[in-house]
Amino acid sequence: MKYLAAYLLLVNAGNATPSAADVKAVLESVDIEVEEEKVEKLIAELEGKSTEELIAEGNEKLSSVPTGAAAGGAASGAAAASGEAEAAEEAVEEEKEESDDDMGFGLFD
């Protein structure tokens, strides 16, 4: 995934056909250890293909994936996440209240 991300960053920056050296340079610039064979495979798979067309193809394939059960799961997951967020906010408020109980002594008094 990191190899594809580096490739897409290069395409987005204006390099329509990044080379293996370009992808390696991006990854090495952020101290990611590069596996030569993975970079070469990515370049070979994408050679002669338009990135925009590949993305459009992928979106078309994703649109045909049934999401009925996933949508219900996502909705319940979102509800659980919002409940967790509210609980976290309450915990922060409680900690804030507890920190006010410093017996009248402050660090900068």
C-alpha atoms as a PDB file:
ATOM      1  CA  MET A   1       0.000   0.000   0.000  1.00  0.00           C
ATOM      2  CA  LYS A   2       2.835   2.405   0.808  1.00  0.00           C
ATOM      3  CA  TYR A   3       4.314   1.848  -2.640  1.00  0.00           C
ATOM      4  CA  LEU A   4       1.032   2.683  -4.321  1.00  0.00           C
ATOM      5  CA  ALA A   5       0.614   5.725  -2.079  1.00  0.00           C
ATOM      6  CA  ALA A   6       4.050   7.002  -3.072  1.00  0.00           C
ATOM      7  CA  TYR A   7       3.237   6.390  -6.743  1.00  0.00           C
ATOM      8  CA  LEU A   8      -0.055   8.286  -6.462  1.00  0.00           C
ATOM      9  CA  LEU A   9       1.645  11.170  -4.648  1.00  0.00           C
ATOM     10  CA  LEU A  10       4.053  11.478  -7.547  1.00  0.00           C
ATOM     11  CA  VAL A  11       1.211  11.381 -10.082  1.00  0.00           C
ATOM     12  CA  ASN A  12      -0.688  14.018  -8.104  1.00  0.00           C
ATOM     13  CA  ALA A  13       2.442  16.191  -8.070  1.00  0.00           C
ATOM     14  CA  GLY A  14       2.524  16.181 -11.863  1.00  0.00           C
ATOM     15  CA  ASN A  15       4.724  13.183 -12.710  1.00  0.00           C
ATOM     16  CA  ALA A  16       2.379  11.229 -15.013  1.00  0.00           C
ATOM     17  CA  THR A  17       4.631   8.148 -15.183  1.00  0.00           C
ATOM     18  CA  PRO A  18       6.820   7.810 -12.089  1.00  0.00           C
ATOM     19  CA  SER A  19       9.766   5.453 -12.320  1.00  0.00           C
ATOM     20  CA  ALA A  20      10.919   2.938  -9.737  1.00  0.00           C
ATOM     21  CA  ALA A  21      13.656   5.373  -8.709  1.00  0.00           C
ATOM     22  CA  ASP A  22      11.050   8.104  -8.147  1.00  0.00           C
ATOM     23  CA  VAL A  23       8.943   5.864  -5.914  1.00  0.00           C
ATOM     24  CA  LYS A  24      12.020   4.722  -3.986  1.00  0.00           C
ATOM     25  CA  ALA A  25      13.121   8.337  -3.487  1.00  0.00           C
ATOM     26  CA  VAL A  26       9.746   9.281  -1.994  1.00  0.00           C
ATOM     27  CA  LEU A  27       9.732   6.321   0.378  1.00  0.00           C
ATOM     28  CA  GLU A  28      13.342   6.769   1.417  1.00  0.00           C
ATOM     29  CA  SER A  29      12.715  10.459   2.109  1.00  0.00           C
ATOM     30  CA  VAL A  30      10.496   9.410   5.014  1.00  0.00           C
ATOM     31  CA  ASP A  31      12.810   6.602   6.195  1.00  0.00           C
ATOM     32  CA  ILE A  32      10.753   3.715   4.838  1.00  0.00           C
ATOM     33  CA  GLU A  33      12.740   0.608   4.006  1.00  0.00           C
ATOM     34  CA  VAL A  34      12.135  -0.165   0.321  1.00  0.00           C
ATOM     35  CA  GLU A  35      11.730  -3.674  -1.054  1.00  0.00           C
ATOM     36  CA  GLU A  36      13.035  -3.493  -4.618  1.00  0.00           C
ATOM     37  CA  GLU A  37      10.884  -6.331  -5.966  1.00  0.00           C
ATOM     38  CA  LYS A  38       7.653  -4.712  -4.738  1.00  0.00           C
ATOM     39  CA  VAL A  39       8.516  -1.408  -6.384  1.00  0.00           C
ATOM     40  CA  GLU A  40       9.402  -3.160  -9.631  1.00  0.00           C
ATOM     41  CA  LYS A  41       6.145  -5.162  -9.563  1.00  0.00           C
ATOM     42  CA  LEU A  42       4.099  -1.990  -9.000  1.00  0.00           C
ATOM     43  CA  ILE A  43       5.808  -0.196 -11.890  1.00  0.00           C
ATOM     44  CA  ALA A  44       5.324  -3.239 -14.153  1.00  0.00           C
ATOM     45  CA  GLU A  45       1.620  -3.518 -13.274  1.00  0.00           C
ATOM     46  CA  LEU A  46       0.947   0.187 -13.880  1.00  0.00           C
ATOM     47  CA  GLU A  47       3.097   0.579 -16.989  1.00  0.00           C
ATOM     48  CA  GLY A  48       1.102   2.002 -19.900  1.00  0.00           C
ATOM     49  CA  LYS A  49      -2.040   2.528 -17.814  1.00  0.00           C
ATOM     50  CA  SER A  50      -3.730   5.791 -16.972  1.00  0.00           C
ATOM     51  CA  THR A  51      -4.035   6.406 -13.235  1.00  0.00           C
ATOM     52  CA  GLU A  52      -7.323   8.262 -13.710  1.00  0.00           C
ATOM     53  CA  GLU A  53      -8.799   5.341 -15.655  1.00  0.00           C
ATOM     54  CA  LEU A  54      -7.652   2.847 -13.006  1.00  0.00           C
ATOM     55  CA  ILE A  55      -9.261   4.909 -10.252  1.00  0.00           C
ATOM     56  CA  ALA A  56     -12.507   5.196 -12.258  1.00  0.00           C
ATOM     57  CA  GLU A  57     -12.457   1.418 -12.823  1.00  0.00           C
ATOM     58  CA  GLY A  58     -11.959   0.794  -9.118  1.00  0.00           C
ATOM     59  CA  ASN A  59     -14.820   3.124  -8.204  1.00  0.00           C
ATOM     60  CA  GLU A  60     -17.075   1.309 -10.666  1.00  0.00           C
ATOM     61  CA  LYS A  61     -16.182  -2.044  -9.107  1.00  0.00           C
ATOM     62  CA  LEU A  62     -16.799  -0.696  -5.611  1.00  0.00           C
ATOM     63  CA  SER A  63     -20.213   0.613  -6.598  1.00  0.00           C
ATOM     64  CA  SER A  64     -21.319  -2.936  -7.442  1.00  0.00           C
ATOM     65  CA  VAL A  65     -20.405  -4.269  -3.996  1.00  0.00           C
ATOM     66  CA  PRO A  66     -23.523  -4.844  -1.861  1.00  0.00           C
ATOM     67  CA  THR A  67     -23.437  -2.662   1.230  1.00  0.00           C
ATOM     68  CA  GLY A  68     -26.765  -3.414   2.940  1.00  0.00           C
ATOM     69  CA  ALA A  69     -25.271  -5.291   5.893  1.00  0.00           C
ATOM     70  CA  ALA A  70     -22.212  -3.111   5.957  1.00  0.00           C
ATOM     71  CA  ALA A  71     -24.314   0.047   6.139  1.00  0.00           C
ATOM     72  CA  GLY A  72     -26.205  -1.284   9.151  1.00  0.00           C
ATOM     73  CA  GLY A  73     -22.947  -2.264  10.785  1.00  0.00           C
ATOM     74  CA  ALA A  74     -21.467   1.118  10.013  1.00  0.00           C
ATOM     75  CA  ALA A  75     -24.472   2.895  11.496  1.00  0.00           C
ATOM     76  CA  SER A  76     -24.292   0.884  14.694  1.00  0.00           C
ATOM     77  CA  GLY A  77     -20.544   1.394  14.757  1.00  0.00           C
ATOM     78  CA  ALA A  78     -21.026   5.137  14.380  1.00  0.00           C
ATOM     79  CA  ALA A  79     -23.555   5.141  17.217  1.00  0.00           C
ATOM     80  CA  ALA A  80     -21.140   3.225  19.411  1.00  0.00           C
ATOM     81  CA  ALA A  81     -18.345   5.615  18.492  1.00  0.00           C
ATOM     82  CA  SER A  82     -20.469   8.635  19.380  1.00  0.00           C
ATOM     83  CA  GLY A  83     -21.348   6.993  22.696  1.00  0.00           C
ATOM     84  CA  GLU A  84     -17.658   6.420  23.356  1.00  0.00           C
ATOM     85  CA  ALA A  85     -16.904  10.029  22.449  1.00  0.00           C
ATOM     86  CA  GLU A  86     -19.506  11.264  24.934  1.00  0.00           C
ATOM     87  CA  ALA A  87     -18.051   9.003  27.625  1.00  0.00           C
ATOM     88  CA  ALA A  88     -14.570  10.330  26.876  1.00  0.00           C
ATOM     89  CA  GLU A  89     -15.808  13.926  27.141  1.00  0.00           C
ATOM     90  CA  GLU A  90     -17.399  13.149  30.510  1.00  0.00           C
ATOM     91  CA  ALA A  91     -14.168  11.564  31.722  1.00  0.00           C
ATOM     92  CA  VAL A  92     -12.212  14.661  30.690  1.00  0.00           C
ATOM     93  CA  GLU A  93     -14.711  16.887  32.506  1.00  0.00           C
ATOM     94  CA  GLU A  94     -14.412  14.738  35.645  1.00  0.00           C
ATOM     95  CA  GLU A  95     -10.613  14.917  35.503  1.00  0.00           C
ATOM     96  CA  LYS A  96     -10.834  18.667  35.069  1.00  0.00           C
ATOM     97  CA  GLU A  97     -13.075  18.947  38.123  1.00  0.00           C
ATOM     98  CA  GLU A  98     -10.754  16.735  40.148  1.00  0.00           C
ATOM     99  CA  SER A  99      -7.737  18.793  39.160  1.00  0.00           C
ATOM    100  CA  ASP A 100      -9.460  21.890  40.576  1.00  0.00           C
ATOM    101  CA  ASP A 101      -9.377  20.272  44.003  1.00  0.00           C
ATOM    102  CA  ASP A 102      -5.784  21.245  44.748  1.00  0.00           C
ATOM    103  CA  MET A 103      -6.630  22.540  48.232  1.00  0.00           C
ATOM    104  CA  GLY A 104      -6.338  26.147  47.122  1.00  0.00           C
ATOM    105  CA  PHE A 105      -2.683  25.915  46.154  1.00  0.00           C
ATOM    106  CA  GLY A 106      -1.727  26.557  42.578  1.00  0.00           C
ATOM    107  CA  LEU A 107       1.555  26.112  40.819  1.00  0.00           C
ATOM    108  CA  PHE A 108       1.861  29.834  40.102  1.00  0.00           C
ATOM    109  CA  ASP A 109       0.303  31.302  43.287  1.00  0.00           C
END
